[in-house]
Amino acid sequence: MTQRTVEINIIDRKLKVTCPIGQESALLSAAAELTLRLTKANKSKSIASPEQAILMTALNLTNELLAAKKKLKVEQQENKRRIALLQSTIEQAISTTSKKQA
């Protein structure tokens, strides 16, 4: 896939990042979200340094990602269960209809 260099701004720091063509908007959105979270963390009285703000933000983002993955896995399992139930119901209906016609 072809790459493109995009300039992003995170907490007043300009960075050039390579991303796949078509993903520029997602990259810019991610940079904006990261800037928002880092700015919020830097304003927190419990965070003493920019490095601590970066680490806390990374930890929070990772925690959110893991929670989202866990939720997705549970939803996928539930969907598989529902599909199996639907298949079983359809098969029973077809079987019942076939027996009545015979």
PDB file of N, CA and C in Angstrom:
ATOM      1  N   MET A   1       0.851  -1.177   0.000  1.00  0.00           N
ATOM      2  CA  MET A   1       0.000   0.000   0.000  1.00  0.00           C
ATOM      3  C   MET A   1       0.898   1.242   0.000  1.00  0.00           C
ATOM      4  N   THR A   2       0.492   2.256  -0.702  1.00  0.00           N
ATOM      5  CA  THR A   2       1.267   3.479  -0.816  1.00  0.00           C
ATOM      6  C   THR A   2       1.149   4.293   0.464  1.00  0.00           C
ATOM      7  N   GLN A   3       2.256   4.881   0.852  1.00  0.00           N
ATOM      8  CA  GLN A   3       2.325   5.667   2.081  1.00  0.00           C
ATOM      9  C   GLN A   3       2.345   7.155   1.769  1.00  0.00           C
ATOM     10  N   ARG A   4       1.952   7.920   2.749  1.00  0.00           N
ATOM     11  CA  ARG A   4       1.978   9.373   2.616  1.00  0.00           C
ATOM     12  C   ARG A   4       2.476   9.964   3.927  1.00  0.00           C
ATOM     13  N   THR A   5       3.272  11.013   3.857  1.00  0.00           N
ATOM     14  CA  THR A   5       3.746  11.695   5.054  1.00  0.00           C
ATOM     15  C   THR A   5       2.758  12.789   5.429  1.00  0.00           C
ATOM     16  N   VAL A   6       2.359  12.777   6.692  1.00  0.00           N
ATOM     17  CA  VAL A   6       1.398  13.750   7.202  1.00  0.00           C
ATOM     18  C   VAL A   6       2.038  14.465   8.379  1.00  0.00           C
ATOM     19  N   GLU A   7       1.855  15.765   8.431  1.00  0.00           N
ATOM     20  CA  GLU A   7       2.357  16.525   9.575  1.00  0.00           C
ATOM     21  C   GLU A   7       1.249  16.622  10.611  1.00  0.00           C
ATOM     22  N   ILE A   8       1.563  16.169  11.827  1.00  0.00           N
ATOM     23  CA  ILE A   8       0.601  16.257  12.918  1.00  0.00           C
ATOM     24  C   ILE A   8       1.171  17.151  14.008  1.00  0.00           C
ATOM     25  N   ASN A   9       0.283  17.614  14.869  1.00  0.00           N
ATOM     26  CA  ASN A   9       0.674  18.499  15.951  1.00  0.00           C
ATOM     27  C   ASN A   9       0.162  17.900  17.252  1.00  0.00           C
ATOM     28  N   ILE A  10       1.090  17.548  18.142  1.00  0.00           N
ATOM     29  CA  ILE A  10       0.721  17.010  19.447  1.00  0.00           C
ATOM     30  C   ILE A  10       1.357  17.891  20.511  1.00  0.00           C
ATOM     31  N   ILE A  11       0.522  18.550  21.270  1.00  0.00           N
ATOM     32  CA  ILE A  11       0.949  19.490  22.308  1.00  0.00           C
ATOM     33  C   ILE A  11       2.040  20.423  21.783  1.00  0.00           C
ATOM     34  N   ASP A  12       1.708  21.154  20.769  1.00  0.00           N
ATOM     35  CA  ASP A  12       2.605  22.154  20.186  1.00  0.00           C
ATOM     36  C   ASP A  12       3.909  21.581  19.640  1.00  0.00           C
ATOM     37  N   ARG A  13       3.934  20.302  19.364  1.00  0.00           N
ATOM     38  CA  ARG A  13       5.102  19.692  18.728  1.00  0.00           C
ATOM     39  C   ARG A  13       4.672  19.151  17.376  1.00  0.00           C
ATOM     40  N   LYS A  14       5.358  19.611  16.354  1.00  0.00           N
ATOM     41  CA  LYS A  14       5.047  19.144  15.003  1.00  0.00           C
ATOM     42  C   LYS A  14       5.859  17.886  14.717  1.00  0.00           C
ATOM     43  N   LEU A  15       5.157  16.901  14.197  1.00  0.00           N
ATOM     44  CA  LEU A  15       5.792  15.637  13.851  1.00  0.00           C
ATOM     45  C   LEU A  15       5.375  15.241  12.445  1.00  0.00           C
ATOM     46  N   LYS A  16       6.282  14.642  11.718  1.00  0.00           N
ATOM     47  CA  LYS A  16       5.947  14.089  10.409  1.00  0.00           C
ATOM     48  C   LYS A  16       5.840  12.584  10.574  1.00  0.00           C
ATOM     49  N   VAL A  17       4.669  12.072  10.188  1.00  0.00           N
ATOM     50  CA  VAL A  17       4.367  10.661  10.372  1.00  0.00           C
ATOM     51  C   VAL A  17       3.918  10.077   9.040  1.00  0.00           C
ATOM     52  N   THR A  18       4.384   8.884   8.751  1.00  0.00           N
ATOM     53  CA  THR A  18       3.977   8.198   7.532  1.00  0.00           C
ATOM     54  C   THR A  18       2.771   7.317   7.838  1.00  0.00           C
ATOM     55  N   CYS A  19       1.788   7.385   6.948  1.00  0.00           N
ATOM     56  CA  CYS A  19       0.598   6.542   7.110  1.00  0.00           C
ATOM     57  C   CYS A  19       0.098   6.132   5.726  1.00  0.00           C
ATOM     58  N   PRO A  20      -0.710   5.069   5.678  1.00  0.00           N
ATOM     59  CA  PRO A  20      -1.262   4.646   4.389  1.00  0.00           C
ATOM     60  C   PRO A  20      -2.178   5.723   3.805  1.00  0.00           C
ATOM     61  N   ILE A  21      -2.151   5.858   2.492  1.00  0.00           N
ATOM     62  CA  ILE A  21      -3.036   6.815   1.824  1.00  0.00           C
ATOM     63  C   ILE A  21      -4.480   6.439   2.166  1.00  0.00           C
ATOM     64  N   GLY A  22      -5.258   7.449   2.491  1.00  0.00           N
ATOM     65  CA  GLY A  22      -6.642   7.236   2.883  1.00  0.00           C
ATOM     66  C   GLY A  22      -6.836   7.202   4.391  1.00  0.00           C
ATOM     67  N   GLN A  23      -5.739   7.109   5.134  1.00  0.00           N
ATOM     68  CA  GLN A  23      -5.814   7.057   6.593  1.00  0.00           C
ATOM     69  C   GLN A  23      -5.410   8.379   7.251  1.00  0.00           C
ATOM     70  N   GLU A  24      -5.200   9.401   6.428  1.00  0.00           N
ATOM     71  CA  GLU A  24      -4.734  10.689   6.955  1.00  0.00           C
ATOM     72  C   GLU A  24      -5.717  11.278   7.967  1.00  0.00           C
ATOM     73  N   SER A  25      -6.984  11.211   7.649  1.00  0.00           N
ATOM     74  CA  SER A  25      -8.010  11.778   8.527  1.00  0.00           C
ATOM     75  C   SER A  25      -8.024  11.068   9.877  1.00  0.00           C
ATOM     76  N   ALA A  26      -7.912   9.755   9.854  1.00  0.00           N
ATOM     77  CA  ALA A  26      -7.888   8.976  11.098  1.00  0.00           C
ATOM     78  C   ALA A  26      -6.658   9.331  11.928  1.00  0.00           C
ATOM     79  N   LEU A  27      -5.529   9.513  11.266  1.00  0.00           N
ATOM     80  CA  LEU A  27      -4.298   9.891  11.965  1.00  0.00           C
ATOM     81  C   LEU A  27      -4.439  11.264  12.606  1.00  0.00           C
ATOM     82  N   LEU A  28      -4.995  12.206  11.878  1.00  0.00           N
ATOM     83  CA  LEU A  28      -5.192  13.555  12.420  1.00  0.00           C
ATOM     84  C   LEU A  28      -6.172  13.535  13.591  1.00  0.00           C
ATOM     85  N   SER A  29      -7.201  12.727  13.497  1.00  0.00           N
ATOM     86  CA  SER A  29      -8.158  12.593  14.601  1.00  0.00           C
ATOM     87  C   SER A  29      -7.495  11.979  15.829  1.00  0.00           C
ATOM     88  N   ALA A  30      -6.665  10.980  15.605  1.00  0.00           N
ATOM     89  CA  ALA A  30      -5.950  10.346  16.716  1.00  0.00           C
ATOM     90  C   ALA A  30      -5.002  11.338  17.382  1.00  0.00           C
ATOM     91  N   ALA A  31      -4.314  12.132  16.576  1.00  0.00           N
ATOM     92  CA  ALA A  31      -3.404  13.147  17.127  1.00  0.00           C
ATOM     93  C   ALA A  31      -4.175  14.184  17.937  1.00  0.00           C
ATOM     94  N   ALA A  32      -5.333  14.585  17.449  1.00  0.00           N
ATOM     95  CA  ALA A  32      -6.159  15.562  18.170  1.00  0.00           C
ATOM     96  C   ALA A  32      -6.645  14.979  19.497  1.00  0.00           C
ATOM     97  N   GLU A  33      -7.075  13.724  19.480  1.00  0.00           N
ATOM     98  CA  GLU A  33      -7.533  13.069  20.712  1.00  0.00           C
ATOM     99  C   GLU A  33      -6.391  12.937  21.712  1.00  0.00           C
ATOM    100  N   LEU A  34      -5.217  12.549  21.228  1.00  0.00           N
ATOM    101  CA  LEU A  34      -4.052  12.426  22.102  1.00  0.00           C
ATOM    102  C   LEU A  34      -3.682  13.774  22.707  1.00  0.00           C
ATOM    103  N   THR A  35      -3.706  14.820  21.898  1.00  0.00           N
ATOM    104  CA  THR A  35      -3.408  16.168  22.393  1.00  0.00           C
ATOM    105  C   THR A  35      -4.396  16.569  23.477  1.00  0.00           C
ATOM    106  N   LEU A  36      -5.663  16.299  23.242  1.00  0.00           N
ATOM    107  CA  LEU A  36      -6.702  16.627  24.223  1.00  0.00           C
ATOM    108  C   LEU A  36      -6.450  15.908  25.548  1.00  0.00           C
ATOM    109  N   ARG A  37      -6.152  14.626  25.467  1.00  0.00           N
ATOM    110  CA  ARG A  37      -5.922  13.842  26.686  1.00  0.00           C
ATOM    111  C   ARG A  37      -4.642  14.262  27.405  1.00  0.00           C
ATOM    112  N   LEU A  38      -3.595  14.534  26.643  1.00  0.00           N
ATOM    113  CA  LEU A  38      -2.343  14.969  27.271  1.00  0.00           C
ATOM    114  C   LEU A  38      -2.505  16.336  27.927  1.00  0.00           C
ATOM    115  N   THR A  39      -3.219  17.225  27.273  1.00  0.00           N
ATOM    116  CA  THR A  39      -3.467  18.553  27.840  1.00  0.00           C
ATOM    117  C   THR A  39      -4.239  18.421  29.144  1.00  0.00           C
ATOM    118  N   LYS A  40      -5.239  17.569  29.137  1.00  0.00           N
ATOM    119  CA  LYS A  40      -6.041  17.329  30.340  1.00  0.00           C
ATOM    120  C   LYS A  40      -5.169  16.742  31.457  1.00  0.00           C
ATOM    121  N   ALA A  41      -4.324  15.786  31.115  1.00  0.00           N
ATOM    122  CA  ALA A  41      -3.442  15.163  32.107  1.00  0.00           C
ATOM    123  C   ALA A  41      -2.437  16.165  32.656  1.00  0.00           C
ATOM    124  N   ASN A  42      -1.907  17.024  31.786  1.00  0.00           N
ATOM    125  CA  ASN A  42      -0.938  18.028  32.235  1.00  0.00           C
ATOM    126  C   ASN A  42      -1.557  19.018  33.214  1.00  0.00           C
ATOM    127  N   LYS A  43      -2.867  19.240  33.099  1.00  0.00           N
ATOM    128  CA  LYS A  43      -3.554  20.172  33.997  1.00  0.00           C
ATOM    129  C   LYS A  43      -3.888  19.540  35.344  1.00  0.00           C
ATOM    130  N   SER A  44      -3.800  18.220  35.408  1.00  0.00           N
ATOM    131  CA  SER A  44      -4.133  17.515  36.642  1.00  0.00           C
ATOM    132  C   SER A  44      -3.114  17.837  37.724  1.00  0.00           C
ATOM    133  N   LYS A  45      -3.601  18.097  38.909  1.00  0.00           N
ATOM    134  CA  LYS A  45      -2.719  18.442  40.035  1.00  0.00           C
ATOM    135  C   LYS A  45      -1.938  17.224  40.534  1.00  0.00           C
ATOM    136  N   SER A  46      -2.452  16.034  40.263  1.00  0.00           N
ATOM    137  CA  SER A  46      -1.794  14.825  40.760  1.00  0.00           C
ATOM    138  C   SER A  46      -0.647  14.354  39.863  1.00  0.00           C
ATOM    139  N   ILE A  47      -0.493  14.983  38.707  1.00  0.00           N
ATOM    140  CA  ILE A  47       0.580  14.597  37.782  1.00  0.00           C
ATOM    141  C   ILE A  47       1.678  15.652  37.838  1.00  0.00           C
ATOM    142  N   ALA A  48       2.889  15.193  38.163  1.00  0.00           N
ATOM    143  CA  ALA A  48       3.981  16.118  38.464  1.00  0.00           C
ATOM    144  C   ALA A  48       4.801  16.557  37.256  1.00  0.00           C
ATOM    145  N   SER A  49       4.861  15.736  36.218  1.00  0.00           N
ATOM    146  CA  SER A  49       5.750  16.066  35.098  1.00  0.00           C
ATOM    147  C   SER A  49       5.100  15.695  33.770  1.00  0.00           C
ATOM    148  N   PRO A  50       5.616  16.268  32.684  1.00  0.00           N
ATOM    149  CA  PRO A  50       5.098  15.894  31.355  1.00  0.00           C
ATOM    150  C   PRO A  50       5.281  14.397  31.062  1.00  0.00           C
ATOM    151  N   GLU A  51       6.389  13.831  31.534  1.00  0.00           N
ATOM    152  CA  GLU A  51       6.637  12.406  31.320  1.00  0.00           C
ATOM    153  C   GLU A  51       5.581  11.563  32.026  1.00  0.00           C
ATOM    154  N   GLN A  52       5.220  11.984  33.241  1.00  0.00           N
ATOM    155  CA  GLN A  52       4.191  11.261  33.980  1.00  0.00           C
ATOM    156  C   GLN A  52       2.840  11.395  33.270  1.00  0.00           C
ATOM    157  N   ALA A  53       2.570  12.568  32.716  1.00  0.00           N
ATOM    158  CA  ALA A  53       1.324  12.777  31.966  1.00  0.00           C
ATOM    159  C   ALA A  53       1.271  11.853  30.753  1.00  0.00           C
ATOM    160  N   ILE A  54       2.393  11.712  30.058  1.00  0.00           N
ATOM    161  CA  ILE A  54       2.459  10.823  28.891  1.00  0.00           C
ATOM    162  C   ILE A  54       2.215   9.379  29.313  1.00  0.00           C
ATOM    163  N   LEU A  55       2.872   8.954  30.390  1.00  0.00           N
ATOM    164  CA  LEU A  55       2.708   7.578  30.853  1.00  0.00           C
ATOM    165  C   LEU A  55       1.286   7.301  31.327  1.00  0.00           C
ATOM    166  N   MET A  56       0.701   8.229  32.058  1.00  0.00           N
ATOM    167  CA  MET A  56      -0.669   8.040  32.537  1.00  0.00           C
ATOM    168  C   MET A  56      -1.658   8.014  31.365  1.00  0.00           C
ATOM    169  N   THR A  57      -1.432   8.874  30.392  1.00  0.00           N
ATOM    170  CA  THR A  57      -2.296   8.893  29.209  1.00  0.00           C
ATOM    171  C   THR A  57      -2.166   7.582  28.438  1.00  0.00           C
ATOM    172  N   ALA A  58      -0.939   7.113  28.268  1.00  0.00           N
ATOM    173  CA  ALA A  58      -0.719   5.836  27.574  1.00  0.00           C
ATOM    174  C   ALA A  58      -1.375   4.690  28.336  1.00  0.00           C
ATOM    175  N   LEU A  59      -1.254   4.704  29.652  1.00  0.00           N
ATOM    176  CA  LEU A  59      -1.864   3.659  30.472  1.00  0.00           C
ATOM    177  C   LEU A  59      -3.389   3.694  30.354  1.00  0.00           C
ATOM    178  N   ASN A  60      -3.967   4.875  30.406  1.00  0.00           N
ATOM    179  CA  ASN A  60      -5.422   5.011  30.267  1.00  0.00           C
ATOM    180  C   ASN A  60      -5.903   4.553  28.897  1.00  0.00           C
ATOM    181  N   LEU A  61      -5.184   4.946  27.841  1.00  0.00           N
ATOM    182  CA  LEU A  61      -5.563   4.526  26.488  1.00  0.00           C
ATOM    183  C   LEU A  61      -5.462   3.008  26.333  1.00  0.00           C
ATOM    184  N   THR A  62      -4.408   2.425  26.896  1.00  0.00           N
ATOM    185  CA  THR A  62      -4.234   0.976  26.824  1.00  0.00           C
ATOM    186  C   THR A  62      -5.347   0.263  27.577  1.00  0.00           C
ATOM    187  N   ASN A  63      -5.695   0.792  28.745  1.00  0.00           N
ATOM    188  CA  ASN A  63      -6.786   0.211  29.526  1.00  0.00           C
ATOM    189  C   ASN A  63      -8.103   0.267  28.744  1.00  0.00           C
ATOM    190  N   GLU A  64      -8.376   1.396  28.109  1.00  0.00           N
ATOM    191  CA  GLU A  64      -9.591   1.535  27.298  1.00  0.00           C
ATOM    192  C   GLU A  64      -9.582   0.560  26.122  1.00  0.00           C
ATOM    193  N   LEU A  65      -8.427   0.400  25.486  1.00  0.00           N
ATOM    194  CA  LEU A  65      -8.308  -0.525  24.359  1.00  0.00           C
ATOM    195  C   LEU A  65      -8.577  -1.959  24.804  1.00  0.00           C
ATOM    196  N   LEU A  66      -7.977  -2.359  25.923  1.00  0.00           N
ATOM    197  CA  LEU A  66      -8.186  -3.718  26.420  1.00  0.00           C
ATOM    198  C   LEU A  66      -9.648  -3.950  26.809  1.00  0.00           C
ATOM    199  N   ALA A  67     -10.274  -2.958  27.426  1.00  0.00           N
ATOM    200  CA  ALA A  67     -11.694  -3.076  27.792  1.00  0.00           C
ATOM    201  C   ALA A  67     -12.562  -3.197  26.541  1.00  0.00           C
ATOM    202  N   ALA A  68     -12.244  -2.423  25.506  1.00  0.00           N
ATOM    203  CA  ALA A  68     -13.010  -2.485  24.253  1.00  0.00           C
ATOM    204  C   ALA A  68     -12.837  -3.848  23.583  1.00  0.00           C
ATOM    205  N   LYS A  69     -11.610  -4.386  23.604  1.00  0.00           N
ATOM    206  CA  LYS A  69     -11.364  -5.707  23.020  1.00  0.00           C
ATOM    207  C   LYS A  69     -12.142  -6.782  23.775  1.00  0.00           C
ATOM    208  N   LYS A  70     -12.149  -6.682  25.101  1.00  0.00           N
ATOM    209  CA  LYS A  70     -12.875  -7.654  25.917  1.00  0.00           C
ATOM    210  C   LYS A  70     -14.371  -7.580  25.622  1.00  0.00           C
ATOM    211  N   LYS A  71     -14.899  -6.365  25.542  1.00  0.00           N
ATOM    212  CA  LYS A  71     -16.322  -6.177  25.248  1.00  0.00           C
ATOM    213  C   LYS A  71     -16.659  -6.742  23.868  1.00  0.00           C
ATOM    214  N   LEU A  72     -15.798  -6.485  22.891  1.00  0.00           N
ATOM    215  CA  LEU A  72     -16.015  -6.993  21.537  1.00  0.00           C
ATOM    216  C   LEU A  72     -16.030  -8.519  21.522  1.00  0.00           C
ATOM    217  N   LYS A  73     -15.111  -9.126  22.267  1.00  0.00           N
ATOM    218  CA  LYS A  73     -15.050 -10.587  22.319  1.00  0.00           C
ATOM    219  C   LYS A  73     -16.333 -11.159  22.918  1.00  0.00           C
ATOM    220  N   VAL A  74     -16.819 -10.542  23.996  1.00  0.00           N
ATOM    221  CA  VAL A  74     -18.071 -10.989  24.620  1.00  0.00           C
ATOM    222  C   VAL A  74     -19.228 -10.842  23.636  1.00  0.00           C
ATOM    223  N   GLU A  75     -19.277  -9.710  22.932  1.00  0.00           N
ATOM    224  CA  GLU A  75     -20.344  -9.481  21.951  1.00  0.00           C
ATOM    225  C   GLU A  75     -20.272 -10.487  20.807  1.00  0.00           C
ATOM    226  N   GLN A  76     -19.058 -10.811  20.357  1.00  0.00           N
ATOM    227  CA  GLN A  76     -18.904 -11.793  19.285  1.00  0.00           C
ATOM    228  C   GLN A  76     -19.393 -13.167  19.737  1.00  0.00           C
ATOM    229  N   GLN A  77     -19.055 -13.541  20.970  1.00  0.00           N
ATOM    230  CA  GLN A  77     -19.515 -14.829  21.495  1.00  0.00           C
ATOM    231  C   GLN A  77     -21.038 -14.858  21.599  1.00  0.00           C
ATOM    232  N   GLU A  78     -21.628 -13.763  22.057  1.00  0.00           N
ATOM    233  CA  GLU A  78     -23.082 -13.675  22.162  1.00  0.00           C
ATOM    234  C   GLU A  78     -23.726 -13.755  20.777  1.00  0.00           C
ATOM    235  N   ASN A  79     -23.130 -13.085  19.797  1.00  0.00           N
ATOM    236  CA  ASN A  79     -23.654 -13.144  18.426  1.00  0.00           C
ATOM    237  C   ASN A  79     -23.578 -14.560  17.863  1.00  0.00           C
ATOM    238  N   LYS A  80     -22.477 -15.263  18.129  1.00  0.00           N
ATOM    239  CA  LYS A  80     -22.350 -16.653  17.672  1.00  0.00           C
ATOM    240  C   LYS A  80     -23.431 -17.522  18.307  1.00  0.00           C
ATOM    241  N   ARG A  81     -23.683 -17.293  19.593  1.00  0.00           N
ATOM    242  CA  ARG A  81     -24.717 -18.061  20.291  1.00  0.00           C
ATOM    243  C   ARG A  81     -26.089 -17.792  19.672  1.00  0.00           C
ATOM    244  N   ARG A  82     -26.372 -16.528  19.397  1.00  0.00           N
ATOM    245  CA  ARG A  82     -27.663 -16.162  18.799  1.00  0.00           C
ATOM    246  C   ARG A  82     -27.820 -16.745  17.392  1.00  0.00           C
ATOM    247  N   ILE A  83     -26.748 -16.700  16.615  1.00  0.00           N
ATOM    248  CA  ILE A  83     -26.790 -17.263  15.258  1.00  0.00           C
ATOM    249  C   ILE A  83     -27.056 -18.765  15.322  1.00  0.00           C
ATOM    250  N   ALA A  84     -26.384 -19.449  16.241  1.00  0.00           N
ATOM    251  CA  ALA A  84     -26.603 -20.892  16.387  1.00  0.00           C
ATOM    252  C   ALA A  84     -28.050 -21.176  16.781  1.00  0.00           C
ATOM    253  N   LEU A  85     -28.603 -20.364  17.671  1.00  0.00           N
ATOM    254  CA  LEU A  85     -30.000 -20.533  18.079  1.00  0.00           C
ATOM    255  C   LEU A  85     -30.944 -20.295  16.902  1.00  0.00           C
ATOM    256  N   LEU A  86     -30.671 -19.256  16.111  1.00  0.00           N
ATOM    257  CA  LEU A  86     -31.490 -18.980  14.924  1.00  0.00           C
ATOM    258  C   LEU A  86     -31.412 -20.125  13.919  1.00  0.00           C
ATOM    259  N   GLN A  87     -30.199 -20.632  13.695  1.00  0.00           N
ATOM    260  CA  GLN A  87     -30.035 -21.752  12.760  1.00  0.00           C
ATOM    261  C   GLN A  87     -30.828 -22.969  13.232  1.00  0.00           C
ATOM    262  N   SER A  88     -30.751 -23.239  14.514  1.00  0.00           N
ATOM    263  CA  SER A  88     -31.475 -24.372  15.078  1.00  0.00           C
ATOM    264  C   SER A  88     -32.983 -24.187  14.924  1.00  0.00           C
ATOM    265  N   THR A  89     -33.463 -22.984  15.197  1.00  0.00           N
ATOM    266  CA  THR A  89     -34.893 -22.686  15.068  1.00  0.00           C
ATOM    267  C   THR A  89     -35.353 -22.839  13.622  1.00  0.00           C
ATOM    268  N   ILE A  90     -34.563 -22.338  12.687  1.00  0.00           N
ATOM    269  CA  ILE A  90     -34.897 -22.446  11.259  1.00  0.00           C
ATOM    270  C   ILE A  90     -34.909 -23.911  10.825  1.00  0.00           C
ATOM    271  N   GLU A  91     -33.899 -24.677  11.248  1.00  0.00           N
ATOM    272  CA  GLU A  91     -33.831 -26.091  10.886  1.00  0.00           C
ATOM    273  C   GLU A  91     -35.031 -26.855  11.438  1.00  0.00           C
ATOM    274  N   GLN A  92     -35.428 -26.536  12.671  1.00  0.00           N
ATOM    275  CA  GLN A  92     -36.600 -27.196  13.261  1.00  0.00           C
ATOM    276  C   GLN A  92     -37.868 -26.833  12.492  1.00  0.00           C
ATOM    277  N   ALA A  93     -37.983 -25.570  12.103  1.00  0.00           N
ATOM    278  CA  ALA A  93     -39.161 -25.126  11.345  1.00  0.00           C
ATOM    279  C   ALA A  93     -39.222 -25.822   9.994  1.00  0.00           C
ATOM    280  N   ILE A  94     -38.085 -25.935   9.336  1.00  0.00           N
ATOM    281  CA  ILE A  94     -38.033 -26.621   8.031  1.00  0.00           C
ATOM    282  C   ILE A  94     -38.382 -28.093   8.204  1.00  0.00           C
ATOM    283  N   SER A  95     -37.839 -28.702   9.239  1.00  0.00           N
ATOM    284  CA  SER A  95     -38.101 -30.119   9.500  1.00  0.00           C
ATOM    285  C   SER A  95     -39.581 -30.354   9.788  1.00  0.00           C
ATOM    286  N   THR A  96     -40.174 -29.491  10.594  1.00  0.00           N
ATOM    287  CA  THR A  96     -41.597 -29.604  10.925  1.00  0.00           C
ATOM    288  C   THR A  96     -42.457 -29.423   9.681  1.00  0.00           C
ATOM    289  N   THR A  97     -42.115 -28.451   8.852  1.00  0.00           N
ATOM    290  CA  THR A  97     -42.860 -28.189   7.618  1.00  0.00           C
ATOM    291  C   THR A  97     -42.743 -29.373   6.664  1.00  0.00           C
ATOM    292  N   SER A  98     -41.555 -29.938   6.555  1.00  0.00           N
ATOM    293  CA  SER A  98     -41.334 -31.087   5.663  1.00  0.00           C
ATOM    294  C   SER A  98     -42.148 -32.291   6.113  1.00  0.00           C
ATOM    295  N   LYS A  99     -42.216 -32.526   7.418  1.00  0.00           N
ATOM    296  CA  LYS A  99     -42.962 -33.670   7.953  1.00  0.00           C
ATOM    297  C   LYS A  99     -44.460 -33.499   7.718  1.00  0.00           C
ATOM    298  N   LYS A 100     -44.955 -32.269   7.840  1.00  0.00           N
ATOM    299  CA  LYS A 100     -46.381 -32.005   7.630  1.00  0.00           C
ATOM    300  C   LYS A 100     -46.768 -32.213   6.169  1.00  0.00           C
ATOM    301  N   GLN A 101     -45.854 -31.911   5.260  1.00  0.00           N
ATOM    302  CA  GLN A 101     -46.143 -32.038   3.831  1.00  0.00           C
ATOM    303  C   GLN A 101     -46.065 -33.493   3.369  1.00  0.00           C
ATOM    304  N   ALA A 102     -45.348 -34.299   4.133  1.00  0.00           N
ATOM    305  CA  ALA A 102     -45.174 -35.702   3.722  1.00  0.00           C
ATOM    306  C   ALA A 102     -46.341 -36.575   4.054  1.00  0.00           C
TER     307      ALA A 102
END
